[in-house]
Amino acid sequence: MAADSLILLNVGHWPDEIDVKKLKQICSKVEPIGPDLERFTLADPPRSLYLACSGNPANVAMLTGSIEPTLLHLTTEILSMEFIYLHHRSLEKGENALPRSIEEEVSELALSLIGMI
C-alpha cells in the first residue's frame, strides 16, 4: 500500500455513513482485491482508497446491547490500524495474527476503565 492511500472502515451504526455511491462516481476504477475489500482508484491525482465490508459497519457483529464489548472491539480496531500504519512495510502478505501486545493493551485499558486496576 502506498503512503498516499487511504483505508475506509465503517465502525459506525449505519451502512450509509460512508457514501459508497458517491465514491463510485468520483473514482475511475473499482476492483475487488480480497474478501470484503475493494480498491477504488482516483484518476487525478492517482490515488487508491481501500473500502472494507462494502461500507457496511464492520463492528455490528459485536453489538450485544452492552457497550463494553463494542468499546473493546473498537479499541482493538483502532490499535490494530495504528499497528498496520506503523508496520505495514514489514508485514507478510495475507492474514497476520494480532500481536499479543495489542490484546494486552486493550485488556489493560478495559480493566482500568472499569476500575479494576
PDB file of N, CA and C in Angstrom:
ATOM      1  N   MET A   1       0.841  -1.164   0.000  1.00  0.00           N
ATOM      2  CA  MET A   1       0.000   0.000   0.000  1.00  0.00           C
ATOM      3  C   MET A   1       0.895   1.238   0.000  1.00  0.00           C
ATOM      4  N   ALA A   2       0.573   2.170  -0.851  1.00  0.00           N
ATOM      5  CA  ALA A   2       1.360   3.401  -0.960  1.00  0.00           C
ATOM      6  C   ALA A   2       1.061   4.344   0.199  1.00  0.00           C
ATOM      7  N   ALA A   3       1.994   5.229   0.460  1.00  0.00           N
ATOM      8  CA  ALA A   3       1.843   6.182   1.564  1.00  0.00           C
ATOM      9  C   ALA A   3       0.684   7.134   1.339  1.00  0.00           C
ATOM     10  N   ASP A   4       0.256   7.325   0.095  1.00  0.00           N
ATOM     11  CA  ASP A   4      -0.856   8.238  -0.171  1.00  0.00           C
ATOM     12  C   ASP A   4      -2.184   7.503  -0.328  1.00  0.00           C
ATOM     13  N   SER A   5      -2.274   6.283   0.192  1.00  0.00           N
ATOM     14  CA  SER A   5      -3.509   5.502   0.153  1.00  0.00           C
ATOM     15  C   SER A   5      -4.325   5.758   1.407  1.00  0.00           C
ATOM     16  N   LEU A   6      -5.579   5.339   1.361  1.00  0.00           N
ATOM     17  CA  LEU A   6      -6.491   5.539   2.481  1.00  0.00           C
ATOM     18  C   LEU A   6      -7.326   4.284   2.655  1.00  0.00           C
ATOM     19  N   ILE A   7      -7.499   3.852   3.907  1.00  0.00           N
ATOM     20  CA  ILE A   7      -8.371   2.727   4.216  1.00  0.00           C
ATOM     21  C   ILE A   7      -9.644   3.285   4.835  1.00  0.00           C
ATOM     22  N   LEU A   8     -10.791   2.918   4.266  1.00  0.00           N
ATOM     23  CA  LEU A   8     -12.080   3.332   4.803  1.00  0.00           C
ATOM     24  C   LEU A   8     -12.745   2.132   5.456  1.00  0.00           C
ATOM     25  N   LEU A   9     -13.035   2.265   6.741  1.00  0.00           N
ATOM     26  CA  LEU A   9     -13.664   1.194   7.509  1.00  0.00           C
ATOM     27  C   LEU A   9     -14.758   1.825   8.353  1.00  0.00           C
ATOM     28  N   ASN A  10     -15.980   1.448   8.097  1.00  0.00           N
ATOM     29  CA  ASN A  10     -17.117   1.989   8.826  1.00  0.00           C
ATOM     30  C   ASN A  10     -17.247   1.265  10.163  1.00  0.00           C
ATOM     31  N   VAL A  11     -17.026   1.990  11.249  1.00  0.00           N
ATOM     32  CA  VAL A  11     -17.239   1.429  12.580  1.00  0.00           C
ATOM     33  C   VAL A  11     -18.390   2.155  13.265  1.00  0.00           C
ATOM     34  N   GLY A  12     -19.291   2.663  12.451  1.00  0.00           N
ATOM     35  CA  GLY A  12     -20.465   3.357  12.962  1.00  0.00           C
ATOM     36  C   GLY A  12     -21.618   2.395  13.168  1.00  0.00           C
ATOM     37  N   HIS A  13     -22.809   2.925  12.993  1.00  0.00           N
ATOM     38  CA  HIS A  13     -24.011   2.131  13.240  1.00  0.00           C
ATOM     39  C   HIS A  13     -24.832   1.868  11.993  1.00  0.00           C
ATOM     40  N   TRP A  14     -24.623   2.643  10.920  1.00  0.00           N
ATOM     41  CA  TRP A  14     -25.483   2.561   9.753  1.00  0.00           C
ATOM     42  C   TRP A  14     -24.647   2.374   8.492  1.00  0.00           C
ATOM     43  N   PRO A  15     -25.184   1.670   7.506  1.00  0.00           N
ATOM     44  CA  PRO A  15     -24.407   1.420   6.288  1.00  0.00           C
ATOM     45  C   PRO A  15     -24.193   2.664   5.421  1.00  0.00           C
ATOM     46  N   ASP A  16     -24.930   3.737   5.663  1.00  0.00           N
ATOM     47  CA  ASP A  16     -24.788   4.935   4.824  1.00  0.00           C
ATOM     48  C   ASP A  16     -23.813   5.966   5.398  1.00  0.00           C
ATOM     49  N   GLU A  17     -23.031   5.602   6.387  1.00  0.00           N
ATOM     50  CA  GLU A  17     -22.070   6.543   6.978  1.00  0.00           C
ATOM     51  C   GLU A  17     -20.886   6.798   6.050  1.00  0.00           C
ATOM     52  N   ILE A  18     -20.656   5.909   5.097  1.00  0.00           N
ATOM     53  CA  ILE A  18     -19.709   6.139   4.004  1.00  0.00           C
ATOM     54  C   ILE A  18     -20.547   6.176   2.732  1.00  0.00           C
ATOM     55  N   ASP A  19     -20.452   7.253   1.975  1.00  0.00           N
ATOM     56  CA  ASP A  19     -21.243   7.405   0.751  1.00  0.00           C
ATOM     57  C   ASP A  19     -20.580   6.627  -0.386  1.00  0.00           C
ATOM     58  N   VAL A  20     -20.865   5.327  -0.434  1.00  0.00           N
ATOM     59  CA  VAL A  20     -20.241   4.434  -1.404  1.00  0.00           C
ATOM     60  C   VAL A  20     -20.670   4.801  -2.821  1.00  0.00           C
ATOM     61  N   LYS A  21     -21.913   5.191  -2.984  1.00  0.00           N
ATOM     62  CA  LYS A  21     -22.420   5.573  -4.311  1.00  0.00           C
ATOM     63  C   LYS A  21     -21.617   6.758  -4.863  1.00  0.00           C
ATOM     64  N   LYS A  22     -21.387   7.767  -4.045  1.00  0.00           N
ATOM     65  CA  LYS A  22     -20.607   8.931  -4.461  1.00  0.00           C
ATOM     66  C   LYS A  22     -19.158   8.536  -4.716  1.00  0.00           C
ATOM     67  N   LEU A  23     -18.619   7.666  -3.887  1.00  0.00           N
ATOM     68  CA  LEU A  23     -17.256   7.196  -4.058  1.00  0.00           C
ATOM     69  C   LEU A  23     -17.091   6.530  -5.423  1.00  0.00           C
ATOM     70  N   LYS A  24     -18.075   5.706  -5.807  1.00  0.00           N
ATOM     71  CA  LYS A  24     -18.029   5.044  -7.117  1.00  0.00           C
ATOM     72  C   LYS A  24     -18.104   6.054  -8.256  1.00  0.00           C
ATOM     73  N   GLN A  25     -18.837   7.155  -8.045  1.00  0.00           N
ATOM     74  CA  GLN A  25     -18.966   8.185  -9.084  1.00  0.00           C
ATOM     75  C   GLN A  25     -17.661   8.937  -9.315  1.00  0.00           C
ATOM     76  N   ILE A  26     -16.897   9.180  -8.267  1.00  0.00           N
ATOM     77  CA  ILE A  26     -15.699  10.006  -8.407  1.00  0.00           C
ATOM     78  C   ILE A  26     -14.438   9.200  -8.719  1.00  0.00           C
ATOM     79  N   CYS A  27     -14.545   7.884  -8.674  1.00  0.00           N
ATOM     80  CA  CYS A  27     -13.369   7.047  -8.927  1.00  0.00           C
ATOM     81  C   CYS A  27     -13.385   6.505 -10.355  1.00  0.00           C
ATOM     82  N   SER A  28     -12.205   6.343 -10.916  1.00  0.00           N
ATOM     83  CA  SER A  28     -12.094   5.854 -12.286  1.00  0.00           C
ATOM     84  C   SER A  28     -12.146   4.329 -12.374  1.00  0.00           C
ATOM     85  N   LYS A  29     -11.894   3.664 -11.256  1.00  0.00           N
ATOM     86  CA  LYS A  29     -11.846   2.202 -11.265  1.00  0.00           C
ATOM     87  C   LYS A  29     -12.201   1.674  -9.884  1.00  0.00           C
ATOM     88  N   VAL A  30     -12.965   0.578  -9.863  1.00  0.00           N
ATOM     89  CA  VAL A  30     -13.298  -0.120  -8.621  1.00  0.00           C
ATOM     90  C   VAL A  30     -13.018  -1.595  -8.858  1.00  0.00           C
ATOM     91  N   GLU A  31     -12.248  -2.205  -7.954  1.00  0.00           N
ATOM     92  CA  GLU A  31     -11.939  -3.621  -8.140  1.00  0.00           C
ATOM     93  C   GLU A  31     -11.871  -4.347  -6.798  1.00  0.00           C
ATOM     94  N   PRO A  32     -12.453  -5.544  -6.748  1.00  0.00           N
ATOM     95  CA  PRO A  32     -12.310  -6.335  -5.523  1.00  0.00           C
ATOM     96  C   PRO A  32     -10.877  -6.847  -5.440  1.00  0.00           C
ATOM     97  N   ILE A  33     -10.300  -6.789  -4.244  1.00  0.00           N
ATOM     98  CA  ILE A  33      -8.935  -7.290  -4.089  1.00  0.00           C
ATOM     99  C   ILE A  33      -8.830  -8.359  -3.011  1.00  0.00           C
ATOM    100  N   GLY A  34      -9.930  -8.701  -2.415  1.00  0.00           N
ATOM    101  CA  GLY A  34      -9.949  -9.748  -1.403  1.00  0.00           C
ATOM    102  C   GLY A  34     -11.337  -9.837  -0.812  1.00  0.00           C
ATOM    103  N   PRO A  35     -11.532 -10.791   0.079  1.00  0.00           N
ATOM    104  CA  PRO A  35     -12.840 -10.895   0.718  1.00  0.00           C
ATOM    105  C   PRO A  35     -13.139  -9.612   1.498  1.00  0.00           C
ATOM    106  N   ASP A  36     -14.255  -8.992   1.203  1.00  0.00           N
ATOM    107  CA  ASP A  36     -14.699  -7.791   1.906  1.00  0.00           C
ATOM    108  C   ASP A  36     -13.730  -6.618   1.780  1.00  0.00           C
ATOM    109  N   LEU A  37     -12.980  -6.545   0.682  1.00  0.00           N
ATOM    110  CA  LEU A  37     -12.076  -5.411   0.469  1.00  0.00           C
ATOM    111  C   LEU A  37     -12.059  -5.037  -1.007  1.00  0.00           C
ATOM    112  N   GLU A  38     -12.293  -3.743  -1.279  1.00  0.00           N
ATOM    113  CA  GLU A  38     -12.273  -3.224  -2.644  1.00  0.00           C
ATOM    114  C   GLU A  38     -11.276  -2.078  -2.736  1.00  0.00           C
ATOM    115  N   ARG A  39     -10.660  -1.946  -3.918  1.00  0.00           N
ATOM    116  CA  ARG A  39      -9.772  -0.810  -4.165  1.00  0.00           C
ATOM    117  C   ARG A  39     -10.475   0.137  -5.133  1.00  0.00           C
ATOM    118  N   PHE A  40     -10.593   1.394  -4.721  1.00  0.00           N
ATOM    119  CA  PHE A  40     -11.149   2.453  -5.546  1.00  0.00           C
ATOM    120  C   PHE A  40      -9.974   3.314  -6.007  1.00  0.00           C
ATOM    121  N   THR A  41      -9.908   3.599  -7.293  1.00  0.00           N
ATOM    122  CA  THR A  41      -8.802   4.385  -7.828  1.00  0.00           C
ATOM    123  C   THR A  41      -9.300   5.749  -8.261  1.00  0.00           C
ATOM    124  N   LEU A  42      -8.689   6.782  -7.702  1.00  0.00           N
ATOM    125  CA  LEU A  42      -8.947   8.153  -8.131  1.00  0.00           C
ATOM    126  C   LEU A  42      -8.025   8.444  -9.302  1.00  0.00           C
ATOM    127  N   ALA A  43      -8.536   9.133 -10.323  1.00  0.00           N
ATOM    128  CA  ALA A  43      -7.740   9.370 -11.526  1.00  0.00           C
ATOM    129  C   ALA A  43      -6.732  10.498 -11.357  1.00  0.00           C
ATOM    130  N   ASP A  44      -7.161  11.629 -10.792  1.00  0.00           N
ATOM    131  CA  ASP A  44      -6.284  12.801 -10.763  1.00  0.00           C
ATOM    132  C   ASP A  44      -6.369  13.512  -9.431  1.00  0.00           C
ATOM    133  N   PRO A  45      -5.359  13.474  -8.628  1.00  0.00           N
ATOM    134  CA  PRO A  45      -4.129  12.707  -8.813  1.00  0.00           C
ATOM    135  C   PRO A  45      -4.389  11.230  -8.558  1.00  0.00           C
ATOM    136  N   PRO A  46      -3.588  10.348  -9.156  1.00  0.00           N
ATOM    137  CA  PRO A  46      -3.815   8.910  -8.967  1.00  0.00           C
ATOM    138  C   PRO A  46      -3.559   8.489  -7.525  1.00  0.00           C
ATOM    139  N   ARG A  47      -4.611   8.011  -6.898  1.00  0.00           N
ATOM    140  CA  ARG A  47      -4.528   7.542  -5.508  1.00  0.00           C
ATOM    141  C   ARG A  47      -5.473   6.358  -5.349  1.00  0.00           C
ATOM    142  N   SER A  48      -5.209   5.554  -4.342  1.00  0.00           N
ATOM    143  CA  SER A  48      -6.059   4.402  -4.062  1.00  0.00           C
ATOM    144  C   SER A  48      -6.748   4.574  -2.720  1.00  0.00           C
ATOM    145  N   LEU A  49      -8.025   4.196  -2.705  1.00  0.00           N
ATOM    146  CA  LEU A  49      -8.814   4.139  -1.477  1.00  0.00           C
ATOM    147  C   LEU A  49      -9.239   2.692  -1.316  1.00  0.00           C
ATOM    148  N   TYR A  50      -9.096   2.155  -0.119  1.00  0.00           N
ATOM    149  CA  TYR A  50      -9.492   0.778   0.148  1.00  0.00           C
ATOM    150  C   TYR A  50     -10.728   0.801   1.034  1.00  0.00           C
ATOM    151  N   LEU A  51     -11.793   0.155   0.570  1.00  0.00           N
ATOM    152  CA  LEU A  51     -13.053   0.132   1.296  1.00  0.00           C
ATOM    153  C   LEU A  51     -13.324  -1.276   1.816  1.00  0.00           C
ATOM    154  N   ALA A  52     -13.490  -1.386   3.117  1.00  0.00           N
ATOM    155  CA  ALA A  52     -13.774  -2.678   3.744  1.00  0.00           C
ATOM    156  C   ALA A  52     -15.278  -2.876   3.895  1.00  0.00           C
ATOM    157  N   CYS A  53     -15.724  -4.091   3.739  1.00  0.00           N
ATOM    158  CA  CYS A  53     -17.105  -4.514   4.005  1.00  0.00           C
ATOM    159  C   CYS A  53     -18.144  -3.736   3.189  1.00  0.00           C
ATOM    160  N   SER A  54     -17.773  -3.286   1.995  1.00  0.00           N
ATOM    161  CA  SER A  54     -18.679  -2.525   1.113  1.00  0.00           C
ATOM    162  C   SER A  54     -19.260  -1.295   1.794  1.00  0.00           C
ATOM    163  N   GLY A  55     -18.574  -0.801   2.818  1.00  0.00           N
ATOM    164  CA  GLY A  55     -19.050   0.374   3.544  1.00  0.00           C
ATOM    165  C   GLY A  55     -19.998   0.055   4.675  1.00  0.00           C
ATOM    166  N   ASN A  56     -20.343  -1.211   4.836  1.00  0.00           N
ATOM    167  CA  ASN A  56     -21.239  -1.603   5.933  1.00  0.00           C
ATOM    168  C   ASN A  56     -20.473  -1.579   7.257  1.00  0.00           C
ATOM    169  N   PRO A  57     -21.182  -1.364   8.366  1.00  0.00           N
ATOM    170  CA  PRO A  57     -20.500  -1.312   9.668  1.00  0.00           C
ATOM    171  C   PRO A  57     -19.755  -2.615   9.961  1.00  0.00           C
ATOM    172  N   ALA A  58     -18.456  -2.507  10.164  1.00  0.00           N
ATOM    173  CA  ALA A  58     -17.631  -3.681  10.428  1.00  0.00           C
ATOM    174  C   ALA A  58     -17.786  -4.170  11.857  1.00  0.00           C
ATOM    175  N   ASN A  59     -18.314  -3.330  12.740  1.00  0.00           N
ATOM    176  CA  ASN A  59     -18.383  -3.672  14.153  1.00  0.00           C
ATOM    177  C   ASN A  59     -19.757  -4.174  14.596  1.00  0.00           C
ATOM    178  N   VAL A  60     -20.709  -4.298  13.689  1.00  0.00           N
ATOM    179  CA  VAL A  60     -22.065  -4.666  14.089  1.00  0.00           C
ATOM    180  C   VAL A  60     -22.128  -6.036  14.750  1.00  0.00           C
ATOM    181  N   ALA A  61     -21.282  -6.956  14.334  1.00  0.00           N
ATOM    182  CA  ALA A  61     -21.312  -8.305  14.914  1.00  0.00           C
ATOM    183  C   ALA A  61     -21.023  -8.294  16.407  1.00  0.00           C
ATOM    184  N   MET A  62     -20.356  -7.274  16.893  1.00  0.00           N
ATOM    185  CA  MET A  62     -20.022  -7.204  18.315  1.00  0.00           C
ATOM    186  C   MET A  62     -21.111  -6.570  19.165  1.00  0.00           C
ATOM    187  N   LEU A  63     -22.088  -5.941  18.557  1.00  0.00           N
ATOM    188  CA  LEU A  63     -23.115  -5.253  19.345  1.00  0.00           C
ATOM    189  C   LEU A  63     -24.017  -6.269  20.025  1.00  0.00           C
ATOM    190  N   THR A  64     -24.047  -6.219  21.343  1.00  0.00           N
ATOM    191  CA  THR A  64     -24.833  -7.181  22.106  1.00  0.00           C
ATOM    192  C   THR A  64     -25.805  -6.499  23.051  1.00  0.00           C
ATOM    193  N   GLY A  65     -25.948  -5.201  22.943  1.00  0.00           N
ATOM    194  CA  GLY A  65     -26.804  -4.469  23.865  1.00  0.00           C
ATOM    195  C   GLY A  65     -26.025  -3.881  25.020  1.00  0.00           C
ATOM    196  N   SER A  66     -24.787  -4.269  25.180  1.00  0.00           N
ATOM    197  CA  SER A  66     -23.916  -3.755  26.222  1.00  0.00           C
ATOM    198  C   SER A  66     -22.773  -3.009  25.555  1.00  0.00           C
ATOM    199  N   ILE A  67     -22.406  -1.862  26.091  1.00  0.00           N
ATOM    200  CA  ILE A  67     -21.383  -1.035  25.476  1.00  0.00           C
ATOM    201  C   ILE A  67     -19.979  -1.616  25.607  1.00  0.00           C
ATOM    202  N   GLU A  68     -19.720  -2.412  26.634  1.00  0.00           N
ATOM    203  CA  GLU A  68     -18.363  -2.903  26.871  1.00  0.00           C
ATOM    204  C   GLU A  68     -17.796  -3.709  25.705  1.00  0.00           C
ATOM    205  N   PRO A  69     -18.527  -4.690  25.164  1.00  0.00           N
ATOM    206  CA  PRO A  69     -17.957  -5.424  24.022  1.00  0.00           C
ATOM    207  C   PRO A  69     -17.658  -4.511  22.833  1.00  0.00           C
ATOM    208  N   THR A  70     -18.517  -3.535  22.607  1.00  0.00           N
ATOM    209  CA  THR A  70     -18.302  -2.612  21.499  1.00  0.00           C
ATOM    210  C   THR A  70     -17.051  -1.772  21.736  1.00  0.00           C
ATOM    211  N   LEU A  71     -16.858  -1.285  22.953  1.00  0.00           N
ATOM    212  CA  LEU A  71     -15.670  -0.494  23.257  1.00  0.00           C
ATOM    213  C   LEU A  71     -14.397  -1.326  23.120  1.00  0.00           C
ATOM    214  N   LEU A  72     -14.447  -2.570  23.577  1.00  0.00           N
ATOM    215  CA  LEU A  72     -13.294  -3.455  23.416  1.00  0.00           C
ATOM    216  C   LEU A  72     -12.987  -3.671  21.936  1.00  0.00           C
ATOM    217  N   HIS A  73     -14.036  -3.899  21.171  1.00  0.00           N
ATOM    218  CA  HIS A  73     -13.870  -4.139  19.743  1.00  0.00           C
ATOM    219  C   HIS A  73     -13.292  -2.910  19.042  1.00  0.00           C
ATOM    220  N   LEU A  74     -13.854  -1.745  19.316  1.00  0.00           N
ATOM    221  CA  LEU A  74     -13.379  -0.519  18.674  1.00  0.00           C
ATOM    222  C   LEU A  74     -11.946  -0.202  19.080  1.00  0.00           C
ATOM    223  N   THR A  75     -11.605  -0.412  20.340  1.00  0.00           N
ATOM    224  CA  THR A  75     -10.239  -0.175  20.802  1.00  0.00           C
ATOM    225  C   THR A  75      -9.273  -1.120  20.093  1.00  0.00           C
ATOM    226  N   THR A  76      -9.669  -2.368  19.945  1.00  0.00           N
ATOM    227  CA  THR A  76      -8.834  -3.330  19.225  1.00  0.00           C
ATOM    228  C   THR A  76      -8.661  -2.896  17.774  1.00  0.00           C
ATOM    229  N   GLU A  77      -9.739  -2.441  17.137  1.00  0.00           N
ATOM    230  CA  GLU A  77      -9.649  -1.974  15.746  1.00  0.00           C
ATOM    231  C   GLU A  77      -8.692  -0.790  15.625  1.00  0.00           C
ATOM    232  N   ILE A  78      -8.834   0.179  16.504  1.00  0.00           N
ATOM    233  CA  ILE A  78      -8.008   1.382  16.433  1.00  0.00           C
ATOM    234  C   ILE A  78      -6.531   1.042  16.644  1.00  0.00           C
ATOM    235  N   LEU A  79      -6.232   0.247  17.662  1.00  0.00           N
ATOM    236  CA  LEU A  79      -4.841  -0.125  17.916  1.00  0.00           C
ATOM    237  C   LEU A  79      -4.279  -0.996  16.789  1.00  0.00           C
ATOM    238  N   SER A  80      -5.124  -1.822  16.186  1.00  0.00           N
ATOM    239  CA  SER A  80      -4.685  -2.644  15.056  1.00  0.00           C
ATOM    240  C   SER A  80      -4.381  -1.773  13.843  1.00  0.00           C
ATOM    241  N   MET A  81      -5.222  -0.778  13.604  1.00  0.00           N
ATOM    242  CA  MET A  81      -4.978   0.135  12.481  1.00  0.00           C
ATOM    243  C   MET A  81      -3.692   0.932  12.689  1.00  0.00           C
ATOM    244  N   GLU A  82      -3.452   1.336  13.923  1.00  0.00           N
ATOM    245  CA  GLU A  82      -2.207   2.039  14.230  1.00  0.00           C
ATOM    246  C   GLU A  82      -1.011   1.119  13.965  1.00  0.00           C
ATOM    247  N   PHE A  83      -1.126  -0.140  14.383  1.00  0.00           N
ATOM    248  CA  PHE A  83      -0.054  -1.103  14.164  1.00  0.00           C
ATOM    249  C   PHE A  83       0.214  -1.292  12.672  1.00  0.00           C
ATOM    250  N   ILE A  84      -0.858  -1.429  11.883  1.00  0.00           N
ATOM    251  CA  ILE A  84      -0.703  -1.589  10.430  1.00  0.00           C
ATOM    252  C   ILE A  84      -0.019  -0.358   9.839  1.00  0.00           C
ATOM    253  N   TYR A  85      -0.442   0.816  10.261  1.00  0.00           N
ATOM    254  CA  TYR A  85       0.166   2.052   9.767  1.00  0.00           C
ATOM    255  C   TYR A  85       1.666   2.091  10.075  1.00  0.00           C
ATOM    256  N   LEU A  86       2.020   1.733  11.287  1.00  0.00           N
ATOM    257  CA  LEU A  86       3.422   1.814  11.707  1.00  0.00           C
ATOM    258  C   LEU A  86       4.300   0.701  11.131  1.00  0.00           C
ATOM    259  N   HIS A  87       3.701  -0.461  10.841  1.00  0.00           N
ATOM    260  CA  HIS A  87       4.498  -1.636  10.457  1.00  0.00           C
ATOM    261  C   HIS A  87       4.132  -2.210   9.088  1.00  0.00           C
ATOM    262  N   HIS A  88       3.373  -1.482   8.272  1.00  0.00           N
ATOM    263  CA  HIS A  88       2.861  -2.062   7.026  1.00  0.00           C
ATOM    264  C   HIS A  88       3.959  -2.580   6.093  1.00  0.00           C
ATOM    265  N   ARG A  89       5.117  -1.978   6.125  1.00  0.00           N
ATOM    266  CA  ARG A  89       6.190  -2.421   5.226  1.00  0.00           C
ATOM    267  C   ARG A  89       6.792  -3.763   5.638  1.00  0.00           C
ATOM    268  N   SER A  90       6.685  -4.105   6.911  1.00  0.00           N
ATOM    269  CA  SER A  90       7.305  -5.347   7.383  1.00  0.00           C
ATOM    270  C   SER A  90       6.301  -6.492   7.548  1.00  0.00           C
ATOM    271  N   LEU A  91       5.022  -6.245   7.283  1.00  0.00           N
ATOM    272  CA  LEU A  91       4.015  -7.304   7.425  1.00  0.00           C
ATOM    273  C   LEU A  91       4.046  -8.249   6.229  1.00  0.00           C
ATOM    274  N   GLU A  92       3.776  -9.515   6.486  1.00  0.00           N
ATOM    275  CA  GLU A  92       3.669 -10.503   5.421  1.00  0.00           C
ATOM    276  C   GLU A  92       2.387 -10.246   4.641  1.00  0.00           C
ATOM    277  N   LYS A  93       2.366 -10.619   3.365  1.00  0.00           N
ATOM    278  CA  LYS A  93       1.133 -10.534   2.586  1.00  0.00           C
ATOM    279  C   LYS A  93       0.140 -11.546   3.135  1.00  0.00           C
ATOM    280  N   GLY A  94      -1.135 -11.203   3.074  1.00  0.00           N
ATOM    281  CA  GLY A  94      -2.164 -12.108   3.565  1.00  0.00           C
ATOM    282  C   GLY A  94      -2.510 -11.826   5.016  1.00  0.00           C
ATOM    283  N   GLU A  95      -3.064 -12.821   5.659  1.00  0.00           N
ATOM    284  CA  GLU A  95      -3.532 -12.674   7.035  1.00  0.00           C
ATOM    285  C   GLU A  95      -2.360 -12.691   8.008  1.00  0.00           C
ATOM    286  N   ASN A  96      -2.403 -11.769   8.964  1.00  0.00           N
ATOM    287  CA  ASN A  96      -1.393 -11.690  10.013  1.00  0.00           C
ATOM    288  C   ASN A  96      -2.091 -11.787  11.366  1.00  0.00           C
ATOM    289  N   ALA A  97      -1.466 -12.463  12.301  1.00  0.00           N
ATOM    290  CA  ALA A  97      -2.037 -12.570  13.647  1.00  0.00           C
ATOM    291  C   ALA A  97      -1.964 -11.215  14.354  1.00  0.00           C
ATOM    292  N   LEU A  98      -2.950 -10.961  15.191  1.00  0.00           N
ATOM    293  CA  LEU A  98      -2.950  -9.758  16.012  1.00  0.00           C
ATOM    294  C   LEU A  98      -1.839  -9.889  17.054  1.00  0.00           C
ATOM    295  N   PRO A  99      -0.946  -8.916  17.129  1.00  0.00           N
ATOM    296  CA  PRO A  99       0.128  -9.014  18.123  1.00  0.00           C
ATOM    297  C   PRO A  99      -0.429  -9.089  19.544  1.00  0.00           C
ATOM    298  N   ARG A 100       0.161  -9.944  20.343  1.00  0.00           N
ATOM    299  CA  ARG A 100      -0.271 -10.105  21.736  1.00  0.00           C
ATOM    300  C   ARG A 100      -0.214  -8.780  22.488  1.00  0.00           C
ATOM    301  N   SER A 101       0.730  -7.930  22.143  1.00  0.00           N
ATOM    302  CA  SER A 101       0.857  -6.637  22.828  1.00  0.00           C
ATOM    303  C   SER A 101      -0.404  -5.786  22.672  1.00  0.00           C
ATOM    304  N   ILE A 102      -1.088  -5.908  21.537  1.00  0.00           N
ATOM    305  CA  ILE A 102      -2.331  -5.168  21.337  1.00  0.00           C
ATOM    306  C   ILE A 102      -3.422  -5.748  22.226  1.00  0.00           C
ATOM    307  N   GLU A 103      -3.530  -7.066  22.271  1.00  0.00           N
ATOM    308  CA  GLU A 103      -4.525  -7.699  23.134  1.00  0.00           C
ATOM    309  C   GLU A 103      -4.301  -7.305  24.593  1.00  0.00           C
ATOM    310  N   GLU A 104      -3.036  -7.275  25.013  1.00  0.00           N
ATOM    311  CA  GLU A 104      -2.720  -6.908  26.401  1.00  0.00           C
ATOM    312  C   GLU A 104      -3.057  -5.449  26.673  1.00  0.00           C
ATOM    313  N   GLU A 105      -2.747  -4.566  25.716  1.00  0.00           N
ATOM    314  CA  GLU A 105      -3.057  -3.144  25.911  1.00  0.00           C
ATOM    315  C   GLU A 105      -4.561  -2.911  25.987  1.00  0.00           C
ATOM    316  N   VAL A 106      -5.330  -3.569  25.136  1.00  0.00           N
ATOM    317  CA  VAL A 106      -6.793  -3.443  25.174  1.00  0.00           C
ATOM    318  C   VAL A 106      -7.320  -3.937  26.517  1.00  0.00           C
ATOM    319  N   SER A 107      -6.803  -5.061  26.983  1.00  0.00           N
ATOM    320  CA  SER A 107      -7.242  -5.612  28.267  1.00  0.00           C
ATOM    321  C   SER A 107      -6.934  -4.660  29.417  1.00  0.00           C
ATOM    322  N   GLU A 108      -5.729  -4.106  29.414  1.00  0.00           N
ATOM    323  CA  GLU A 108      -5.344  -3.164  30.466  1.00  0.00           C
ATOM    324  C   GLU A 108      -6.202  -1.910  30.437  1.00  0.00           C
ATOM    325  N   LEU A 109      -6.472  -1.389  29.239  1.00  0.00           N
ATOM    326  CA  LEU A 109      -7.336  -0.205  29.137  1.00  0.00           C
ATOM    327  C   LEU A 109      -8.742  -0.503  29.650  1.00  0.00           C
ATOM    328  N   ALA A 110      -9.275  -1.667  29.281  1.00  0.00           N
ATOM    329  CA  ALA A 110     -10.625  -2.046  29.716  1.00  0.00           C
ATOM    330  C   ALA A 110     -10.693  -2.183  31.232  1.00  0.00           C
ATOM    331  N   LEU A 111      -9.737  -2.898  31.813  1.00  0.00           N
ATOM    332  CA  LEU A 111      -9.725  -3.066  33.269  1.00  0.00           C
ATOM    333  C   LEU A 111      -9.544  -1.737  33.992  1.00  0.00           C
ATOM    334  N   SER A 112      -8.748  -0.871  33.429  1.00  0.00           N
ATOM    335  CA  SER A 112      -8.545   0.457  34.007  1.00  0.00           C
ATOM    336  C   SER A 112      -9.839   1.263  33.988  1.00  0.00           C
ATOM    337  N   LEU A 113     -10.541   1.214  32.884  1.00  0.00           N
ATOM    338  CA  LEU A 113     -11.783   1.979  32.744  1.00  0.00           C
ATOM    339  C   LEU A 113     -12.876   1.525  33.720  1.00  0.00           C
ATOM    340  N   ILE A 114     -12.885   0.254  34.043  1.00  0.00           N
ATOM    341  CA  ILE A 114     -13.911  -0.229  34.982  1.00  0.00           C
ATOM    342  C   ILE A 114     -13.388  -0.262  36.412  1.00  0.00           C
ATOM    343  N   GLY A 115     -12.187   0.322  36.625  1.00  0.00           N
ATOM    344  CA  GLY A 115     -11.659   0.480  37.964  1.00  0.00           C
ATOM    345  C   GLY A 115     -11.061  -0.755  38.597  1.00  0.00           C
ATOM    346  N   MET A 116     -10.678  -1.725  37.809  1.00  0.00           N
ATOM    347  CA  MET A 116     -10.120  -2.949  38.379  1.00  0.00           C
ATOM    348  C   MET A 116      -8.608  -2.910  38.496  1.00  0.00           C
ATOM    349  N   ILE A 117      -7.956  -1.943  37.863  1.00  0.00           N
ATOM    350  CA  ILE A 117      -6.502  -1.778  38.045  1.00  0.00           C
ATOM    351  C   ILE A 117      -6.187  -0.301  38.127  1.00  0.00           C
TER     352      ILE A 117
END
